Amino acid sequence: MTSECYVFIDGLESTPVICGYFKLDTKTSRGEFNYGKSYLARTDAFALDPIHLPLQSGIVSYSANKGVFGVLSDAGADSWGRKLILSLHNTKPQN
């Protein structure tokens, strides 16, 4: 299964700014991230993770941590947060 999402950064403007695009292939445990051209053109753009996600154009692949970049994993809810979110739904979300 492949999951895809846009990544936004909050705090640069009054509304969140699109930063890039993340795709995860759970069968191969491989993630791919691509910074958006408009984000790269900003003077205040910064790398989400200078080591694993340097500020550059093109796709960056990742296979550690089941393909999820650490900075993206840290931005999500922890196990307690996921439990609370799931308790608000009648069905389990697909991703």
PDB file of N, CA and C in Angstrom:
ATOM      1  N   MET A   1       0.831  -1.174   0.000  1.00  0.00           N
ATOM      2  CA  MET A   1       0.000   0.000   0.000  1.00  0.00           C
ATOM      3  C   MET A   1       0.880   1.244   0.000  1.00  0.00           C
ATOM      4  N   THR A   2       0.452   2.261  -0.690  1.00  0.00           N
ATOM      5  CA  THR A   2       1.177   3.524  -0.741  1.00  0.00           C
ATOM      6  C   THR A   2       0.332   4.624  -0.119  1.00  0.00           C
ATOM      7  N   SER A   3       0.933   5.380   0.765  1.00  0.00           N
ATOM      8  CA  SER A   3       0.285   6.540   1.371  1.00  0.00           C
ATOM      9  C   SER A   3       1.033   7.789   0.924  1.00  0.00           C
ATOM     10  N   GLU A   4       0.282   8.844   0.653  1.00  0.00           N
ATOM     11  CA  GLU A   4       0.874  10.084   0.174  1.00  0.00           C
ATOM     12  C   GLU A   4       0.264  11.254   0.928  1.00  0.00           C
ATOM     13  N   CYS A   5       1.060  12.301   1.142  1.00  0.00           N
ATOM     14  CA  CYS A   5       0.539  13.495   1.800  1.00  0.00           C
ATOM     15  C   CYS A   5       1.399  14.707   1.480  1.00  0.00           C
ATOM     16  N   TYR A   6       0.790  15.872   1.621  1.00  0.00           N
ATOM     17  CA  TYR A   6       1.527  17.120   1.541  1.00  0.00           C
ATOM     18  C   TYR A   6       1.997  17.475   2.942  1.00  0.00           C
ATOM     19  N   VAL A   7       3.158  18.100   3.031  1.00  0.00           N
ATOM     20  CA  VAL A   7       3.715  18.507   4.319  1.00  0.00           C
ATOM     21  C   VAL A   7       3.675  20.034   4.385  1.00  0.00           C
ATOM     22  N   PHE A   8       3.138  20.555   5.474  1.00  0.00           N
ATOM     23  CA  PHE A   8       3.013  21.992   5.663  1.00  0.00           C
ATOM     24  C   PHE A   8       3.865  22.438   6.851  1.00  0.00           C
ATOM     25  N   ILE A   9       4.267  23.714   6.821  1.00  0.00           N
ATOM     26  CA  ILE A   9       4.991  24.324   7.935  1.00  0.00           C
ATOM     27  C   ILE A   9       4.130  25.470   8.459  1.00  0.00           C
ATOM     28  N   ASP A  10       3.953  25.507   9.749  1.00  0.00           N
ATOM     29  CA  ASP A  10       3.165  26.560  10.380  1.00  0.00           C
ATOM     30  C   ASP A  10       4.113  27.572  11.008  1.00  0.00           C
ATOM     31  N   GLY A  11       3.759  28.855  10.937  1.00  0.00           N
ATOM     32  CA  GLY A  11       4.543  29.881  11.600  1.00  0.00           C
ATOM     33  C   GLY A  11       5.308  30.802  10.674  1.00  0.00           C
ATOM     34  N   LEU A  12       5.442  30.460   9.407  1.00  0.00           N
ATOM     35  CA  LEU A  12       6.143  31.337   8.464  1.00  0.00           C
ATOM     36  C   LEU A  12       5.241  32.466   7.978  1.00  0.00           C
ATOM     37  N   GLU A  13       3.963  32.190   7.891  1.00  0.00           N
ATOM     38  CA  GLU A  13       2.961  33.165   7.472  1.00  0.00           C
ATOM     39  C   GLU A  13       1.748  33.006   8.377  1.00  0.00           C
ATOM     40  N   SER A  14       0.698  33.740   8.088  1.00  0.00           N
ATOM     41  CA  SER A  14      -0.506  33.641   8.923  1.00  0.00           C
ATOM     42  C   SER A  14      -1.236  32.311   8.724  1.00  0.00           C
ATOM     43  N   THR A  15      -1.003  31.652   7.604  1.00  0.00           N
ATOM     44  CA  THR A  15      -1.571  30.335   7.344  1.00  0.00           C
ATOM     45  C   THR A  15      -0.426  29.367   7.042  1.00  0.00           C
ATOM     46  N   PRO A  16      -0.632  28.072   7.251  1.00  0.00           N
ATOM     47  CA  PRO A  16       0.432  27.105   6.963  1.00  0.00           C
ATOM     48  C   PRO A  16       0.910  27.183   5.508  1.00  0.00           C
ATOM     49  N   VAL A  17       2.197  26.941   5.323  1.00  0.00           N
ATOM     50  CA  VAL A  17       2.845  26.996   4.008  1.00  0.00           C
ATOM     51  C   VAL A  17       3.181  25.573   3.569  1.00  0.00           C
ATOM     52  N   ILE A  18       2.834  25.242   2.323  1.00  0.00           N
ATOM     53  CA  ILE A  18       3.187  23.911   1.830  1.00  0.00           C
ATOM     54  C   ILE A  18       4.699  23.837   1.641  1.00  0.00           C
ATOM     55  N   CYS A  19       5.265  22.788   2.170  1.00  0.00           N
ATOM     56  CA  CYS A  19       6.713  22.604   2.166  1.00  0.00           C
ATOM     57  C   CYS A  19       7.136  21.546   1.152  1.00  0.00           C
ATOM     58  N   GLY A  20       6.385  20.467   1.089  1.00  0.00           N
ATOM     59  CA  GLY A  20       6.777  19.377   0.209  1.00  0.00           C
ATOM     60  C   GLY A  20       5.740  18.276   0.161  1.00  0.00           C
ATOM     61  N   TYR A  21       6.173  17.156  -0.365  1.00  0.00           N
ATOM     62  CA  TYR A  21       5.297  16.023  -0.626  1.00  0.00           C
ATOM     63  C   TYR A  21       5.992  14.758  -0.137  1.00  0.00           C
ATOM     64  N   PHE A  22       5.274  13.936   0.613  1.00  0.00           N
ATOM     65  CA  PHE A  22       5.834  12.694   1.148  1.00  0.00           C
ATOM     66  C   PHE A  22       5.030  11.516   0.632  1.00  0.00           C
ATOM     67  N   LYS A  23       5.737  10.470   0.240  1.00  0.00           N
ATOM     68  CA  LYS A  23       5.094   9.234  -0.218  1.00  0.00           C
ATOM     69  C   LYS A  23       5.756   8.064   0.496  1.00  0.00           C
ATOM     70  N   LEU A  24       4.934   7.156   1.017  1.00  0.00           N
ATOM     71  CA  LEU A  24       5.427   5.988   1.743  1.00  0.00           C
ATOM     72  C   LEU A  24       4.872   4.723   1.117  1.00  0.00           C
ATOM     73  N   ASP A  25       5.759   3.821   0.763  1.00  0.00           N
ATOM     74  CA  ASP A  25       5.368   2.502   0.262  1.00  0.00           C
ATOM     75  C   ASP A  25       5.557   1.523   1.407  1.00  0.00           C
ATOM     76  N   THR A  26       4.456   1.077   2.021  1.00  0.00           N
ATOM     77  CA  THR A  26       4.547   0.205   3.189  1.00  0.00           C
ATOM     78  C   THR A  26       5.012  -1.199   2.833  1.00  0.00           C
ATOM     79  N   LYS A  27       4.854  -1.600   1.580  1.00  0.00           N
ATOM     80  CA  LYS A  27       5.321  -2.931   1.173  1.00  0.00           C
ATOM     81  C   LYS A  27       6.840  -3.004   1.159  1.00  0.00           C
ATOM     82  N   THR A  28       7.482  -1.921   0.735  1.00  0.00           N
ATOM     83  CA  THR A  28       8.946  -1.907   0.643  1.00  0.00           C
ATOM     84  C   THR A  28       9.583  -1.156   1.806  1.00  0.00           C
ATOM     85  N   SER A  29       8.759  -0.545   2.673  1.00  0.00           N
ATOM     86  CA  SER A  29       9.240   0.285   3.789  1.00  0.00           C
ATOM     87  C   SER A  29      10.190   1.363   3.290  1.00  0.00           C
ATOM     88  N   ARG A  30       9.774   2.030   2.220  1.00  0.00           N
ATOM     89  CA  ARG A  30      10.582   3.080   1.611  1.00  0.00           C
ATOM     90  C   ARG A  30       9.762   4.359   1.508  1.00  0.00           C
ATOM     91  N   GLY A  31      10.345   5.437   2.018  1.00  0.00           N
ATOM     92  CA  GLY A  31       9.710   6.736   1.954  1.00  0.00           C
ATOM     93  C   GLY A  31      10.438   7.645   0.982  1.00  0.00           C
ATOM     94  N   GLU A  32       9.695   8.575   0.397  1.00  0.00           N
ATOM     95  CA  GLU A  32      10.280   9.561  -0.513  1.00  0.00           C
ATOM     96  C   GLU A  32       9.717  10.930  -0.163  1.00  0.00           C
ATOM     97  N   PHE A  33      10.604  11.919  -0.129  1.00  0.00           N
ATOM     98  CA  PHE A  33      10.190  13.289   0.139  1.00  0.00           C
ATOM     99  C   PHE A  33      10.732  14.187  -0.948  1.00  0.00           C
ATOM    100  N   ASN A  34       9.922  15.180  -1.334  1.00  0.00           N
ATOM    101  CA  ASN A  34      10.324  16.133  -2.356  1.00  0.00           C
ATOM    102  C   ASN A  34       9.881  17.519  -1.908  1.00  0.00           C
ATOM    103  N   TYR A  35      10.843  18.430  -1.705  1.00  0.00           N
ATOM    104  CA  TYR A  35      10.490  19.810  -1.374  1.00  0.00           C
ATOM    105  C   TYR A  35       9.788  20.449  -2.570  1.00  0.00           C
ATOM    106  N   GLY A  36       8.802  21.292  -2.304  1.00  0.00           N
ATOM    107  CA  GLY A  36       8.101  22.008  -3.353  1.00  0.00           C
ATOM    108  C   GLY A  36       8.965  23.131  -3.931  1.00  0.00           C
ATOM    109  N   LYS A  37       8.793  23.406  -5.218  1.00  0.00           N
ATOM    110  CA  LYS A  37       9.573  24.465  -5.874  1.00  0.00           C
ATOM    111  C   LYS A  37       9.312  25.823  -5.234  1.00  0.00           C
ATOM    112  N   SER A  38       8.047  26.099  -4.886  1.00  0.00           N
ATOM    113  CA  SER A  38       7.725  27.392  -4.276  1.00  0.00           C
ATOM    114  C   SER A  38       8.365  27.520  -2.896  1.00  0.00           C
ATOM    115  N   TYR A  39       8.477  26.409  -2.170  1.00  0.00           N
ATOM    116  CA  TYR A  39       9.127  26.447  -0.859  1.00  0.00           C
ATOM    117  C   TYR A  39      10.625  26.684  -1.029  1.00  0.00           C
ATOM    118  N   LEU A  40      11.245  25.993  -1.957  1.00  0.00           N
ATOM    119  CA  LEU A  40      12.681  26.157  -2.182  1.00  0.00           C
ATOM    120  C   LEU A  40      13.027  27.584  -2.614  1.00  0.00           C
ATOM    121  N   ALA A  41      12.095  28.264  -3.257  1.00  0.00           N
ATOM    122  CA  ALA A  41      12.344  29.631  -3.736  1.00  0.00           C
ATOM    123  C   ALA A  41      12.224  30.671  -2.616  1.00  0.00           C
ATOM    124  N   ARG A  42      11.698  30.298  -1.477  1.00  0.00           N
ATOM    125  CA  ARG A  42      11.527  31.243  -0.368  1.00  0.00           C
ATOM    126  C   ARG A  42      12.874  31.598   0.256  1.00  0.00           C
ATOM    127  N   THR A  43      13.010  32.841   0.691  1.00  0.00           N
ATOM    128  CA  THR A  43      14.252  33.255   1.361  1.00  0.00           C
ATOM    129  C   THR A  43      14.322  32.701   2.783  1.00  0.00           C
ATOM    130  N   ASP A  44      13.165  32.369   3.359  1.00  0.00           N
ATOM    131  CA  ASP A  44      13.145  31.844   4.724  1.00  0.00           C
ATOM    132  C   ASP A  44      12.993  30.313   4.773  1.00  0.00           C
ATOM    133  N   ALA A  45      13.222  29.659   3.637  1.00  0.00           N
ATOM    134  CA  ALA A  45      13.131  28.188   3.604  1.00  0.00           C
ATOM    135  C   ALA A  45      14.259  27.582   4.437  1.00  0.00           C
ATOM    136  N   PHE A  46      13.950  26.480   5.086  1.00  0.00           N
ATOM    137  CA  PHE A  46      14.955  25.764   5.870  1.00  0.00           C
ATOM    138  C   PHE A  46      14.735  24.268   5.709  1.00  0.00           C
ATOM    139  N   ALA A  47      15.775  23.499   5.938  1.00  0.00           N
ATOM    140  CA  ALA A  47      15.694  22.038   5.844  1.00  0.00           C
ATOM    141  C   ALA A  47      14.921  21.502   7.040  1.00  0.00           C
ATOM    142  N   LEU A  48      13.987  20.597   6.780  1.00  0.00           N
ATOM    143  CA  LEU A  48      13.254  19.965   7.884  1.00  0.00           C
ATOM    144  C   LEU A  48      14.189  19.134   8.745  1.00  0.00           C
ATOM    145  N   ASP A  49      15.152  18.515   8.122  1.00  0.00           N
ATOM    146  CA  ASP A  49      16.180  17.729   8.797  1.00  0.00           C
ATOM    147  C   ASP A  49      17.455  17.893   7.976  1.00  0.00           C
ATOM    148  N   PRO A  50      18.419  18.683   8.457  1.00  0.00           N
ATOM    149  CA  PRO A  50      19.615  18.954   7.664  1.00  0.00           C
ATOM    150  C   PRO A  50      20.417  17.709   7.260  1.00  0.00           C
ATOM    151  N   ILE A  51      20.300  16.654   8.034  1.00  0.00           N
ATOM    152  CA  ILE A  51      21.072  15.437   7.724  1.00  0.00           C
ATOM    153  C   ILE A  51      20.328  14.546   6.743  1.00  0.00           C
ATOM    154  N   HIS A  52      19.078  14.222   7.034  1.00  0.00           N
ATOM    155  CA  HIS A  52      18.336  13.282   6.195  1.00  0.00           C
ATOM    156  C   HIS A  52      17.489  13.943   5.118  1.00  0.00           C
ATOM    157  N   LEU A  53      17.143  15.214   5.301  1.00  0.00           N
ATOM    158  CA  LEU A  53      16.339  15.948   4.321  1.00  0.00           C
ATOM    159  C   LEU A  53      16.980  17.299   4.023  1.00  0.00           C
ATOM    160  N   PRO A  54      18.144  17.300   3.381  1.00  0.00           N
ATOM    161  CA  PRO A  54      18.780  18.589   3.065  1.00  0.00           C
ATOM    162  C   PRO A  54      17.896  19.411   2.133  1.00  0.00           C
ATOM    163  N   LEU A  55      18.025  20.710   2.228  1.00  0.00           N
ATOM    164  CA  LEU A  55      17.223  21.630   1.429  1.00  0.00           C
ATOM    165  C   LEU A  55      17.739  21.607  -0.011  1.00  0.00           C
ATOM    166  N   GLN A  56      17.125  20.775  -0.831  1.00  0.00           N
ATOM    167  CA  GLN A  56      17.543  20.604  -2.226  1.00  0.00           C
ATOM    168  C   GLN A  56      16.353  20.149  -3.058  1.00  0.00           C
ATOM    169  N   SER A  57      16.451  20.359  -4.341  1.00  0.00           N
ATOM    170  CA  SER A  57      15.387  19.883  -5.229  1.00  0.00           C
ATOM    171  C   SER A  57      15.608  18.402  -5.518  1.00  0.00           C
ATOM    172  N   GLY A  58      14.536  17.732  -5.897  1.00  0.00           N
ATOM    173  CA  GLY A  58      14.616  16.311  -6.207  1.00  0.00           C
ATOM    174  C   GLY A  58      14.114  15.453  -5.070  1.00  0.00           C
ATOM    175  N   ILE A  59      13.935  14.195  -5.375  1.00  0.00           N
ATOM    176  CA  ILE A  59      13.392  13.234  -4.410  1.00  0.00           C
ATOM    177  C   ILE A  59      14.496  12.707  -3.511  1.00  0.00           C
ATOM    178  N   VAL A  60      14.215  12.696  -2.219  1.00  0.00           N
ATOM    179  CA  VAL A  60      15.113  12.110  -1.230  1.00  0.00           C
ATOM    180  C   VAL A  60      14.453  10.833  -0.731  1.00  0.00           C
ATOM    181  N   SER A  61      15.125   9.696  -0.872  1.00  0.00           N
ATOM    182  CA  SER A  61      14.592   8.401  -0.433  1.00  0.00           C
ATOM    183  C   SER A  61      15.118   8.053   0.947  1.00  0.00           C
ATOM    184  N   TYR A  62      14.318   7.261   1.671  1.00  0.00           N
ATOM    185  CA  TYR A  62      14.672   6.897   3.042  1.00  0.00           C
ATOM    186  C   TYR A  62      14.125   5.504   3.335  1.00  0.00           C
ATOM    187  N   SER A  63      14.944   4.663   3.955  1.00  0.00           N
ATOM    188  CA  SER A  63      14.484   3.311   4.250  1.00  0.00           C
ATOM    189  C   SER A  63      14.570   2.953   5.740  1.00  0.00           C
ATOM    190  N   ALA A  64      15.219   3.775   6.547  1.00  0.00           N
ATOM    191  CA  ALA A  64      15.248   3.516   7.987  1.00  0.00           C
ATOM    192  C   ALA A  64      13.875   3.842   8.574  1.00  0.00           C
ATOM    193  N   ASN A  65      13.605   3.385   9.780  1.00  0.00           N
ATOM    194  CA  ASN A  65      12.366   3.694  10.502  1.00  0.00           C
ATOM    195  C   ASN A  65      11.126   3.394   9.653  1.00  0.00           C
ATOM    196  N   LYS A  66      11.156   2.281   8.951  1.00  0.00           N
ATOM    197  CA  LYS A  66      10.053   1.847   8.078  1.00  0.00           C
ATOM    198  C   LYS A  66       9.728   2.874   7.000  1.00  0.00           C
ATOM    199  N   GLY A  67      10.737   3.676   6.616  1.00  0.00           N
ATOM    200  CA  GLY A  67      10.580   4.639   5.537  1.00  0.00           C
ATOM    201  C   GLY A  67      10.061   5.993   5.952  1.00  0.00           C
ATOM    202  N   VAL A  68       9.795   6.179   7.249  1.00  0.00           N
ATOM    203  CA  VAL A  68       9.255   7.457   7.730  1.00  0.00           C
ATOM    204  C   VAL A  68      10.411   8.293   8.301  1.00  0.00           C
ATOM    205  N   PHE A  69      10.641   9.453   7.703  1.00  0.00           N
ATOM    206  CA  PHE A  69      11.670  10.358   8.200  1.00  0.00           C
ATOM    207  C   PHE A  69      11.348  10.728   9.643  1.00  0.00           C
ATOM    208  N   GLY A  70      12.370  10.808  10.482  1.00  0.00           N
ATOM    209  CA  GLY A  70      12.174  11.096  11.899  1.00  0.00           C
ATOM    210  C   GLY A  70      11.428  12.386  12.149  1.00  0.00           C
ATOM    211  N   VAL A  71      11.715  13.426  11.371  1.00  0.00           N
ATOM    212  CA  VAL A  71      11.050  14.714  11.566  1.00  0.00           C
ATOM    213  C   VAL A  71       9.545  14.595  11.299  1.00  0.00           C
ATOM    214  N   LEU A  72       9.147  13.748  10.377  1.00  0.00           N
ATOM    215  CA  LEU A  72       7.728  13.548  10.098  1.00  0.00           C
ATOM    216  C   LEU A  72       7.075  12.684  11.166  1.00  0.00           C
ATOM    217  N   SER A  73       7.806  11.710  11.658  1.00  0.00           N
ATOM    218  CA  SER A  73       7.290  10.864  12.739  1.00  0.00           C
ATOM    219  C   SER A  73       7.080  11.689  14.010  1.00  0.00           C
ATOM    220  N   ASP A  74       8.005  12.595  14.295  1.00  0.00           N
ATOM    221  CA  ASP A  74       7.901  13.444  15.486  1.00  0.00           C
ATOM    222  C   ASP A  74       6.720  14.399  15.410  1.00  0.00           C
ATOM    223  N   ALA A  75       6.308  14.758  14.197  1.00  0.00           N
ATOM    224  CA  ALA A  75       5.210  15.710  14.031  1.00  0.00           C
ATOM    225  C   ALA A  75       3.846  15.062  14.267  1.00  0.00           C
ATOM    226  N   GLY A  76       3.794  13.752  14.237  1.00  0.00           N
ATOM    227  CA  GLY A  76       2.530  13.050  14.426  1.00  0.00           C
ATOM    228  C   GLY A  76       2.225  12.794  15.889  1.00  0.00           C
ATOM    229  N   ALA A  77       1.044  12.299  16.123  1.00  0.00           N
ATOM    230  CA  ALA A  77       0.618  11.990  17.488  1.00  0.00           C
ATOM    231  C   ALA A  77       1.369  10.772  18.024  1.00  0.00           C
ATOM    232  N   ASP A  78       1.635  10.760  19.320  1.00  0.00           N
ATOM    233  CA  ASP A  78       2.239   9.589  19.944  1.00  0.00           C
ATOM    234  C   ASP A  78       1.160   8.526  20.145  1.00  0.00           C
ATOM    235  N   SER A  79       1.495   7.433  20.804  1.00  0.00           N
ATOM    236  CA  SER A  79       0.536   6.327  20.925  1.00  0.00           C
ATOM    237  C   SER A  79      -0.723   6.754  21.688  1.00  0.00           C
ATOM    238  N   TRP A  80      -0.576   7.580  22.728  1.00  0.00           N
ATOM    239  CA  TRP A  80      -1.746   8.047  23.472  1.00  0.00           C
ATOM    240  C   TRP A  80      -2.591   8.964  22.586  1.00  0.00           C
ATOM    241  N   GLY A  81      -1.957   9.851  21.855  1.00  0.00           N
ATOM    242  CA  GLY A  81      -2.679  10.749  20.950  1.00  0.00           C
ATOM    243  C   GLY A  81      -3.432   9.987  19.873  1.00  0.00           C
ATOM    244  N   ARG A  82      -2.802   8.952  19.319  1.00  0.00           N
ATOM    245  CA  ARG A  82      -3.482   8.133  18.301  1.00  0.00           C
ATOM    246  C   ARG A  82      -4.689   7.426  18.911  1.00  0.00           C
ATOM    247  N   LYS A  83      -4.555   6.952  20.151  1.00  0.00           N
ATOM    248  CA  LYS A  83      -5.671   6.292  20.820  1.00  0.00           C
ATOM    249  C   LYS A  83      -6.845   7.261  20.997  1.00  0.00           C
ATOM    250  N   LEU A  84      -6.552   8.498  21.384  1.00  0.00           N
ATOM    251  CA  LEU A  84      -7.607   9.501  21.540  1.00  0.00           C
ATOM    252  C   LEU A  84      -8.270   9.824  20.205  1.00  0.00           C
ATOM    253  N   ILE A  85      -7.467   9.987  19.166  1.00  0.00           N
ATOM    254  CA  ILE A  85      -8.012  10.288  17.841  1.00  0.00           C
ATOM    255  C   ILE A  85      -8.913   9.150  17.368  1.00  0.00           C
ATOM    256  N   LEU A  86      -8.455   7.925  17.511  1.00  0.00           N
ATOM    257  CA  LEU A  86      -9.238   6.771  17.062  1.00  0.00           C
ATOM    258  C   LEU A  86     -10.523   6.615  17.875  1.00  0.00           C
ATOM    259  N   SER A  87     -10.505   7.037  19.137  1.00  0.00           N
ATOM    260  CA  SER A  87     -11.716   6.917  19.954  1.00  0.00           C
ATOM    261  C   SER A  87     -12.821   7.861  19.474  1.00  0.00           C
ATOM    262  N   LEU A  88     -12.457   8.881  18.702  1.00  0.00           N
ATOM    263  CA  LEU A  88     -13.442   9.830  18.177  1.00  0.00           C
ATOM    264  C   LEU A  88     -14.071   9.365  16.866  1.00  0.00           C
ATOM    265  N   HIS A  89     -13.562   8.289  16.301  1.00  0.00           N
ATOM    266  CA  HIS A  89     -14.061   7.786  15.019  1.00  0.00           C
ATOM    267  C   HIS A  89     -14.838   6.482  15.203  1.00  0.00           C
ATOM    268  N   ASN A  90     -15.855   6.313  14.388  1.00  0.00           N
ATOM    269  CA  ASN A  90     -16.587   5.040  14.407  1.00  0.00           C
ATOM    270  C   ASN A  90     -15.832   3.960  13.642  1.00  0.00           C
ATOM    271  N   THR A  91     -15.050   4.385  12.646  1.00  0.00           N
ATOM    272  CA  THR A  91     -14.241   3.439  11.875  1.00  0.00           C
ATOM    273  C   THR A  91     -12.798   3.899  11.929  1.00  0.00           C
ATOM    274  N   LYS A  92     -11.890   2.993  11.771  1.00  0.00           N
ATOM    275  CA  LYS A  92     -10.462   3.320  11.805  1.00  0.00           C
ATOM    276  C   LYS A  92     -10.077   4.013  10.495  1.00  0.00           C
ATOM    277  N   PRO A  93      -9.394   5.173  10.554  1.00  0.00           N
ATOM    278  CA  PRO A  93      -8.954   5.831   9.319  1.00  0.00           C
ATOM    279  C   PRO A  93      -7.957   4.960   8.559  1.00  0.00           C
ATOM    280  N   GLN A  94      -7.929   5.094   7.238  1.00  0.00           N
ATOM    281  CA  GLN A  94      -7.022   4.301   6.401  1.00  0.00           C
ATOM    282  C   GLN A  94      -5.561   4.725   6.592  1.00  0.00           C
ATOM    283  N   ASN A  95      -5.322   6.011   6.866  1.00  0.00           N
ATOM    284  CA  ASN A  95      -3.942   6.472   7.069  1.00  0.00           C
ATOM    285  C   ASN A  95      -3.954   7.726   7.906  1.00  0.00           C
TER     286      ASN A  95
END
